[in-house]
Protein backbone atom coordinates (compact mmCIF):
# COMPACT_ATOMS: atom_id res chain seq x y z
CA MET A 1 0.00 0.00 0.00
CA LYS A 2 1.25 3.51 -0.82
CA LYS A 3 2.32 5.72 2.04
CA SER A 4 -0.37 8.25 1.09
CA ALA A 5 -3.14 5.66 1.26
CA VAL A 6 -2.00 4.55 4.69
CA LEU A 7 -1.78 8.19 5.77
CA ALA A 8 -5.24 9.17 4.57
CA PHE A 9 -6.92 6.15 6.19
CA ALA A 10 -5.11 6.33 9.50
CA LEU A 11 -5.58 10.09 9.86
CA ALA A 12 -9.29 9.45 9.92
CA LEU A 13 -8.79 7.06 12.83
CA ALA A 14 -6.20 9.06 14.73
CA ALA A 15 -6.91 10.26 18.23
CA PRO A 16 -6.74 14.00 18.93
CA THR A 17 -3.24 15.25 19.67
CA LEU A 18 -2.31 17.40 22.63
CA ALA A 19 0.18 20.22 23.07
CA PHE A 20 3.10 20.43 25.47
CA SER A 21 2.37 19.22 28.98
CA GLN A 22 4.52 22.16 30.02
CA ALA A 23 4.85 24.99 27.54
CA PRO A 24 8.36 26.10 26.60
CA THR A 25 9.48 29.29 28.25
CA ARG A 26 10.68 32.37 26.39
CA ALA A 27 14.17 31.65 27.63
CA GLU A 28 14.06 28.10 26.28
CA LEU A 29 12.82 29.24 22.87
CA ALA A 30 15.45 31.98 22.81
CA ARG A 31 18.07 29.31 23.44
CA VAL A 32 16.68 27.20 20.59
CA ASP A 33 16.81 30.24 18.31
CA ARG A 34 20.41 30.96 19.27
CA ILE A 35 21.48 27.39 18.47
CA LEU A 36 19.60 27.22 15.18
CA ARG A 37 20.82 30.59 13.96
CA ASN A 38 24.35 29.25 14.02
CA THR A 39 23.68 25.64 12.95
CA PRO A 40 21.02 24.71 10.40
CA LEU A 41 18.34 22.33 11.61
CA ILE A 42 18.53 19.52 9.04
CA ASP A 43 15.72 16.96 8.74
CA GLY A 44 16.70 13.72 7.03
CA HIS A 45 13.32 12.73 5.65
CA ASN A 46 10.06 14.41 4.58
CA ASP A 47 7.57 12.85 2.13
CA LEU A 48 5.75 16.02 1.02
CA ALA A 49 6.51 15.38 -2.66
CA GLU A 50 4.80 12.01 -2.58
CA GLN A 51 1.73 13.45 -0.86
CA ILE A 52 1.41 16.15 -3.54
CA HIS A 53 1.86 13.55 -6.28
CA ASP A 54 -0.51 10.91 -4.91
CA ASN A 55 -3.23 13.01 -3.29
CA TYR A 56 -3.24 16.07 -5.55
CA GLY A 57 -2.18 14.58 -8.88
CA GLY A 58 1.12 16.43 -8.75
CA ASP A 59 -0.82 19.68 -9.32
CA GLN A 60 0.97 22.26 -7.21
CA SER A 61 -1.82 24.79 -7.74
CA ARG A 62 -3.94 22.60 -5.44
CA VAL A 63 -1.44 22.83 -2.59
CA ASP A 64 -0.63 26.37 -1.44
CA LEU A 65 2.37 25.96 0.82
CA THR A 66 2.04 29.58 1.99
CA ALA A 67 -1.24 28.62 3.71
CA ASP A 68 -2.08 26.19 6.51
CA THR A 69 -2.09 22.79 4.82
CA ARG A 70 -3.91 21.22 7.76
CA ALA A 71 -7.06 22.63 6.12
CA LEU A 72 -6.61 20.66 2.88
CA SER A 73 -8.86 17.73 1.97
CA THR A 74 -5.94 15.48 2.84
CA PRO A 75 -4.10 17.42 5.58
CA LEU A 76 -0.33 17.73 5.44
CA HIS A 77 2.34 18.04 8.11
CA THR A 78 4.23 20.65 6.08
CA ASP A 79 3.73 24.23 4.95
CA ILE A 80 5.92 27.32 4.83
CA PRO A 81 4.55 29.21 7.85
CA ARG A 82 4.98 26.11 10.01
CA LEU A 83 8.45 25.42 8.59
CA ARG A 84 9.43 28.92 9.70
CA GLN A 85 7.84 28.37 13.10
CA GLY A 86 9.83 25.14 13.42
CA ARG A 87 13.11 26.91 12.56
CA LEU A 88 13.97 24.40 9.82
CA GLY A 89 17.24 25.19 8.03
CA ALA A 90 17.55 22.31 5.53
CA GLN A 91 15.42 19.42 4.34
CA PHE A 92 16.12 16.17 2.57
CA TRP A 93 12.93 15.87 0.52
CA SER A 94 12.23 12.19 -0.07
CA VAL A 95 11.84 11.14 -3.70
CA TYR A 96 10.07 7.91 -2.88
CA VAL A 97 8.38 5.32 -5.03
CA PRO A 98 6.59 2.14 -3.89
CA ALA A 99 8.81 -0.90 -3.51
CA GLU A 100 6.47 -2.83 -5.79
CA LEU A 101 7.65 -0.75 -8.76
CA GLN A 102 10.68 -2.23 -10.49
CA GLY A 103 13.08 -1.38 -13.26
CA ALA A 104 12.39 1.44 -15.69
CA ALA A 105 9.00 2.21 -14.11
CA SER A 106 10.67 2.79 -10.76
CA ALA A 107 13.36 5.01 -12.23
CA GLU A 108 10.76 7.06 -14.07
CA ALA A 109 8.76 7.50 -10.87
CA VAL A 110 11.84 8.81 -9.06
CA HIS A 111 12.40 11.36 -11.82
CA VAL A 112 8.78 12.50 -11.44
CA GLN A 113 9.32 12.96 -7.70
CA ILE A 114 12.54 14.90 -8.33
CA ASP A 115 10.59 17.17 -10.67
CA THR A 116 7.94 17.70 -7.98
CA VAL A 117 10.60 18.90 -5.53
CA ARG A 118 12.15 21.13 -8.19
CA GLN A 119 8.73 22.69 -8.81
CA ILE A 120 8.30 23.38 -5.09
CA VAL A 121 11.69 25.12 -4.98
CA GLN A 122 10.99 27.09 -8.15
CA ARG A 123 7.54 28.14 -6.95
CA TYR A 124 8.86 29.55 -3.66
CA PRO A 125 12.37 30.86 -4.48
CA ARG A 126 12.46 33.20 -1.49
CA VAL A 127 11.96 30.21 0.82
CA PHE A 128 13.77 27.26 -0.76
CA GLU A 129 16.99 26.72 -2.67
CA LEU A 130 18.48 23.48 -3.94
CA ALA A 131 21.71 22.38 -2.28
CA ARG A 132 24.26 19.93 -3.65
CA THR A 133 27.01 20.21 -1.03
CA ALA A 134 27.52 20.82 2.67
CA ASP A 135 28.79 24.32 1.88
CA ASP A 136 25.60 24.98 -0.09
CA ILE A 137 23.52 24.03 2.95
CA VAL A 138 25.43 26.44 5.18
CA ARG A 139 25.30 29.27 2.63
CA ILE A 140 21.56 28.89 2.00
CA HIS A 141 20.79 28.74 5.71
CA ARG A 142 22.80 31.93 6.32
CA ALA A 143 20.79 33.62 3.56
CA GLY A 144 17.58 32.83 5.45
CA ARG A 145 16.28 30.20 3.06
CA ILE A 146 15.68 26.47 3.54
CA ALA A 147 18.28 24.33 1.81
CA SER A 148 16.57 21.58 -0.17
CA MET A 149 18.16 18.25 -1.06
CA PHE A 150 16.94 15.09 -2.79
CA GLY A 151 16.91 11.92 -0.70
CA MET A 152 16.11 8.93 -2.90
CA GLU A 153 14.18 6.23 -1.02
CA GLY A 154 14.59 2.85 -2.65
CA GLY A 155 17.48 1.41 -4.64
CA GLU A 156 15.07 -0.58 -6.83
CA ALA A 157 15.09 2.42 -9.16
CA ILE A 158 18.69 1.90 -10.30
CA ASN A 159 17.56 -1.33 -11.99
CA ASN A 160 20.82 -3.13 -11.09
CA ASN A 161 22.75 -0.59 -13.15
CA LEU A 162 25.48 1.64 -11.72
CA ALA A 163 25.12 3.99 -14.69
CA ILE A 164 21.59 4.82 -13.53
CA LEU A 165 22.91 5.36 -10.01
CA ARG A 166 25.42 7.86 -11.41
CA ASP A 167 22.65 9.55 -13.37
CA PHE A 168 20.65 10.12 -10.18
CA ARG A 169 23.72 11.59 -8.52
CA ALA A 170 24.14 13.94 -11.48
CA GLU A 171 20.50 14.99 -10.94
CA GLY A 172 21.53 16.14 -7.49
CA VAL A 173 20.49 13.18 -5.33
CA LEU A 174 22.56 13.37 -2.12
CA TYR A 175 21.54 10.06 -0.53
CA MET A 176 19.96 6.79 -1.57
CA THR A 177 18.14 4.43 0.78
CA LEU A 178 19.37 1.06 -0.44
CA CYS A 179 15.88 -0.48 -0.35
CA HIS A 180 12.43 0.14 1.04
CA SER A 181 9.98 -2.42 2.41
CA LYS A 182 10.89 -5.24 0.00
CA THR A 183 14.06 -7.28 -0.38
CA THR A 184 15.60 -6.65 -3.79
CA SER A 185 17.99 -8.63 -5.96
CA TRP A 186 20.93 -7.12 -4.07
CA VAL A 187 19.90 -6.06 -0.55
CA ASP A 188 17.72 -7.49 2.23
CA SER A 189 14.97 -5.30 3.62
CA ALA A 190 14.28 -5.08 7.35
CA THR A 191 10.61 -5.87 6.71
CA ASP A 192 10.85 -8.71 4.21
CA ALA A 193 12.33 -12.20 4.10
CA PRO A 194 16.13 -12.12 3.78
CA VAL A 195 17.74 -13.59 0.69
CA HIS A 196 21.35 -12.40 0.69
CA GLY A 197 22.29 -12.41 4.36
CA GLY A 198 22.69 -8.63 4.02
CA LEU A 199 24.19 -7.28 0.81
CA SER A 200 24.93 -9.30 -2.31
CA PRO A 201 28.30 -8.76 -4.04
CA PHE A 202 26.55 -6.30 -6.36
CA GLY A 203 25.11 -4.55 -3.30
CA GLU A 204 28.65 -4.06 -2.01
CA ASP A 205 29.57 -2.60 -5.41
CA VAL A 206 26.67 -0.16 -5.09
CA VAL A 207 28.01 1.05 -1.74
CA ARG A 208 31.51 1.49 -3.14
CA GLU A 209 30.19 3.41 -6.15
CA MET A 210 28.11 5.66 -3.91
CA ASN A 211 31.29 6.43 -1.96
CA ARG A 212 33.10 7.21 -5.21
CA ILE A 213 30.47 9.62 -6.52
CA GLY A 214 29.78 11.34 -3.21
CA MET A 215 26.30 9.97 -2.52
CA LEU A 216 25.50 9.18 1.11
CA VAL A 217 24.61 5.55 1.80
CA ASP A 218 21.28 5.52 3.67
CA LEU A 219 20.65 2.37 5.73
CA SER A 220 17.12 3.06 6.91
CA HIS A 221 14.83 0.17 5.87
CA VAL A 222 17.64 -2.37 5.34
CA SER A 223 18.09 -5.48 7.47
CA ALA A 224 20.52 -5.48 10.38
CA ASP A 225 22.87 -7.76 8.42
CA ALA A 226 22.75 -5.36 5.48
CA MET A 227 23.59 -2.52 7.89
CA ARG A 228 26.63 -4.45 9.08
CA ASP A 229 27.73 -5.29 5.52
CA ALA A 230 27.41 -1.69 4.34
CA LEU A 231 29.34 -0.40 7.34
CA ARG A 232 32.08 -2.93 6.64
CA VAL A 233 32.34 -1.85 3.00
CA SER A 234 31.78 1.90 3.15
CA ALA A 235 34.80 4.18 3.22
CA ALA A 236 32.57 7.20 3.87
CA PRO A 237 30.14 7.90 6.71
CA VAL A 238 26.72 6.32 6.27
CA ILE A 239 23.42 7.74 7.44
CA PHE A 240 20.12 6.38 8.63
CA SER A 241 17.79 9.07 7.28
CA HIS A 242 14.81 8.10 9.47
CA SER A 243 15.48 5.29 11.97
CA SER A 244 15.44 4.87 15.74
CA ALA A 245 16.90 2.67 18.51
CA PHE A 246 16.17 -1.07 18.49
CA ALA A 247 17.07 -1.37 22.19
CA ILE A 248 14.08 0.84 23.07
CA THR A 249 11.64 -0.44 20.45
CA PRO A 250 12.70 -3.72 18.79
CA HIS A 251 11.03 -2.98 15.49
CA PRO A 252 13.11 -4.39 12.60
CA ARG A 253 13.30 -0.87 11.12
CA ASN A 254 15.40 0.25 14.08
CA VAL A 255 19.16 0.14 14.69
CA PRO A 256 20.65 -2.46 17.09
CA ASP A 257 23.27 -1.40 19.61
CA ASP A 258 26.10 -3.31 17.93
CA VAL A 259 25.35 -1.41 14.73
CA LEU A 260 25.24 1.88 16.65
CA ARG A 261 28.77 1.17 17.84
CA LEU A 262 29.83 0.52 14.23
CA VAL A 263 28.21 3.82 13.23
CA HIS A 264 30.41 5.56 15.78
CA GLN A 265 33.52 3.98 14.24
CA ASN A 266 32.31 4.90 10.74
CA GLY A 267 31.47 8.51 11.64
CA GLY A 268 27.90 8.09 10.43
CA VAL A 269 24.64 9.61 11.68
CA VAL A 270 21.40 7.96 12.85
CA MET A 271 18.58 10.46 12.25
CA VAL A 272 15.74 9.67 14.64
CA ASN A 273 12.29 8.85 13.24
CA PHE A 274 9.23 10.37 15.00
CA TYR A 275 6.68 7.70 14.00
CA PRO A 276 5.14 6.17 17.17
CA ALA A 277 4.77 2.71 15.59
CA PHE A 278 8.58 2.60 15.26
CA THR A 279 9.38 4.32 18.56
CA ALA A 280 6.93 2.95 21.16
CA ASN A 281 6.33 -0.75 21.86
CA GLU A 282 2.72 -0.21 22.91
CA VAL A 283 1.89 1.58 19.65
CA TRP A 284 3.70 -1.04 17.57
CA GLN A 285 1.75 -3.82 19.30
CA TRP A 286 -1.53 -1.91 18.87
CA GLY A 287 -0.84 -1.66 15.14
CA ALA A 288 -0.23 -5.42 14.94
CA ARG A 289 -3.54 -6.11 16.69
CA ARG A 290 -5.33 -3.70 14.36
CA LEU A 291 -3.91 -5.46 11.31
CA ALA A 292 -5.03 -8.79 12.71
CA GLU A 293 -8.54 -7.44 13.24
CA GLU A 294 -8.61 -6.06 9.71
CA ALA A 295 -7.60 -9.48 8.33
CA ARG A 296 -10.31 -11.14 10.45
CA LEU A 297 -12.97 -8.74 9.18
CA LYS A 298 -11.94 -9.27 5.57
CA ALA A 299 -12.18 -13.04 6.02
CA LEU A 300 -15.66 -12.71 7.54
CA ASN A 301 -16.91 -10.15 5.00
CA PRO A 302 -15.57 -11.13 1.58
CA GLY A 303 -16.55 -8.61 -1.07
CA ASP A 304 -17.99 -6.17 1.49
CA PRO A 305 -15.45 -3.40 2.09
CA THR A 306 -18.04 -1.25 3.86
CA ALA A 307 -18.50 -3.89 6.55
CA VAL A 308 -14.74 -4.10 6.95
CA THR A 309 -14.34 -0.33 7.26
CA GLU A 310 -17.20 0.01 9.72
CA GLY A 311 -16.05 -2.97 11.75
CA LEU A 312 -12.51 -1.68 11.93
CA ALA A 313 -13.71 1.78 12.99
CA ALA A 314 -15.72 0.15 15.78
CA TRP A 315 -12.67 -1.84 16.88
CA VAL A 316 -10.52 1.31 16.98
CA ALA A 317 -13.20 3.12 18.99
CA ALA A 318 -13.17 0.27 21.51
CA ASN A 319 -9.37 -0.08 21.41
CA PRO A 320 -7.96 3.43 21.05
CA ARG A 321 -4.42 3.83 19.88
CA PRO A 322 -1.97 4.54 22.72
CA GLU A 323 -0.62 8.07 22.69
CA ILE A 324 3.01 8.96 23.24
CA GLY A 325 4.70 12.28 23.80
CA VAL A 326 7.89 13.98 22.70
CA GLY A 327 9.70 12.36 25.62
CA VAL A 328 9.68 8.99 23.86
CA ILE A 329 11.45 10.45 20.84
CA ALA A 330 13.94 12.11 23.19
CA ASP A 331 14.55 8.67 24.74
CA HIS A 332 15.62 7.35 21.32
CA VAL A 333 17.85 10.38 20.71
CA GLU A 334 19.52 9.92 24.10
CA HIS A 335 20.03 6.18 23.66
CA ILE A 336 21.70 6.66 20.28
CA ALA A 337 23.86 9.44 21.73
CA GLU A 338 24.87 7.20 24.64
CA VAL A 339 25.77 4.17 22.50
CA ALA A 340 26.99 5.69 19.22
CA GLY A 341 27.93 9.13 20.54
CA HIS A 342 26.67 12.69 20.51
CA ASP A 343 28.53 13.07 17.21
CA ASN A 344 26.40 10.38 15.58
CA VAL A 345 22.75 11.34 16.05
CA GLY A 346 20.39 13.57 14.07
CA ILE A 347 16.74 14.17 13.20
CA GLY A 348 14.77 12.33 10.48
CA SER A 349 11.14 13.08 11.29
CA ASP A 350 9.31 11.21 8.47
CA PHE A 351 6.78 14.06 8.34
CA ASP A 352 4.15 13.52 5.62
CA GLY A 353 5.20 9.89 5.37
CA VAL A 354 3.47 8.60 8.50
CA PRO A 355 -0.21 8.43 9.53
CA PHE A 356 0.12 9.87 13.03
CA LEU A 357 2.70 11.45 15.30
CA PRO A 358 3.55 11.92 18.97
CA GLN A 359 1.73 14.52 21.02
CA GLY A 360 3.62 17.77 20.72
CA LEU A 361 5.29 16.78 17.42
CA ASP A 362 2.25 17.33 15.23
CA GLY A 363 4.04 18.83 12.24
CA VAL A 364 7.06 20.78 11.07
CA GLU A 365 6.25 23.60 13.46
CA ASP A 366 7.16 21.45 16.44
CA TYR A 367 10.88 20.70 16.08
CA PRO A 368 11.60 23.06 19.02
CA ALA A 369 9.62 20.71 21.28
CA LEU A 370 12.32 18.08 20.98
CA PHE A 371 15.09 20.56 21.68
CA VAL A 372 13.27 21.91 24.73
CA GLU A 373 12.75 18.37 26.05
CA LEU A 374 16.46 17.62 25.68
CA MET A 375 17.40 20.95 27.27
CA ARG A 376 15.35 19.98 30.29
CA ARG A 377 17.34 16.74 30.43
CA GLY A 378 20.59 18.64 30.61
CA TRP A 379 21.79 18.68 26.99
CA SER A 380 24.38 21.34 26.21
CA ASP A 381 24.14 23.84 23.37
CA THR A 382 27.10 22.11 21.71
CA ASP A 383 25.40 18.71 21.68
CA LEU A 384 22.07 20.19 20.58
CA ALA A 385 23.82 21.88 17.65
CA LYS A 386 25.37 18.55 16.67
CA LEU A 387 21.93 16.91 16.78
CA ALA A 388 20.34 19.72 14.78
CA GLY A 389 22.62 19.50 11.80
CA GLY A 390 26.26 19.67 12.79
CA ASN A 391 26.67 15.91 12.66
CA LEU A 392 25.06 15.59 9.24
CA LEU A 393 27.21 18.40 7.83
CA ARG A 394 30.35 16.71 9.16
CA ALA A 395 29.36 13.35 7.65
CA LEU A 396 28.51 14.93 4.30
CA ARG A 397 31.80 16.80 4.20
CA GLN A 398 33.68 13.60 4.93
CA ALA A 399 31.77 11.82 2.13
CA GLU A 400 32.72 14.69 -0.19
CA ARG A 401 36.40 14.22 0.77
CA VAL A 402 36.21 10.47 0.11
CA ALA A 403 34.71 11.14 -3.33
CA ALA A 404 37.36 13.75 -4.12
CA ARG A 405 40.09 11.17 -3.44
CA SER A 406 38.45 8.54 -5.67
């Protein structure tokens, strides 16, 4: 199922969200502003382009990003006023296609998503500017605009061809997630049956070529064995554009502690995902029970989707989804910082790619909530700046140096 279909359905079932249990003080927000003036807040993953493509036919005239997009027929987590409120400095815009697409169709879909992001940037030139390097990100942030980068989600689109990988890099793609929800011919997915025990020999070649051309290797969505293989092979820092800590929530999408220690040695960055189903055991288990109930209703009501929808809505009403707050996301950030290091953690929200969010992290306006929570736990300005974007900039610069030597 497409991300947008999951999002639209689950938003209808989502419980109301709440604001801060304790509002941030002026002094706390002033401290956030001081940190983020000097270091760009970089988010590793936002699926706005896919939402515009799938829910609005790619017609940008139907999505006014200068207005509150929560009022749209399919609400969004992202718009320009809220981006400004959230103090965002740079965004990896996901150019995602469903894992079911293969070969030329997948590559074409990625190009369509790249064009969607380009149109967004061109439509709002005073707000966004495309960035191809770490220095670009810093320059654009200092100019008061939001640096915009392509993050390609799903290596299916290279069609087992390194020439196509190089073509995407020439288009400006700065990272590629090696796979999505399905195992491919060269890499095992975290959420599918393994075939290769991690990476195939060609998968290792993909990692080496990404190092050579200066494209960050993104290990979100890959199996733990594939994480280990990529970290063994990569000469440049890797990233996890939107993943969290397995030790807190043992979802297969998350990063085990032994891999976190390898990330420290590699100099990579794990950018923490906000999605409650990946970050809270009780929400993950609730989702599994809901899927089981949906399967039961479909078996009992073949050919009657209305009965399934109504029955599932009744089940959700009787079994409301557990709510979590920003503190759970802070727990993941702190665990990764403790195991991998404060130099190896970042933010990868997954805004507009997930059906619901923690209380207090309702959209792009709420990044400061996480910083305030960590401030209250004793985080220093230096470590908060690393989390915001300093770590990602360091990793990208190191990847650029590796490519320059190749």
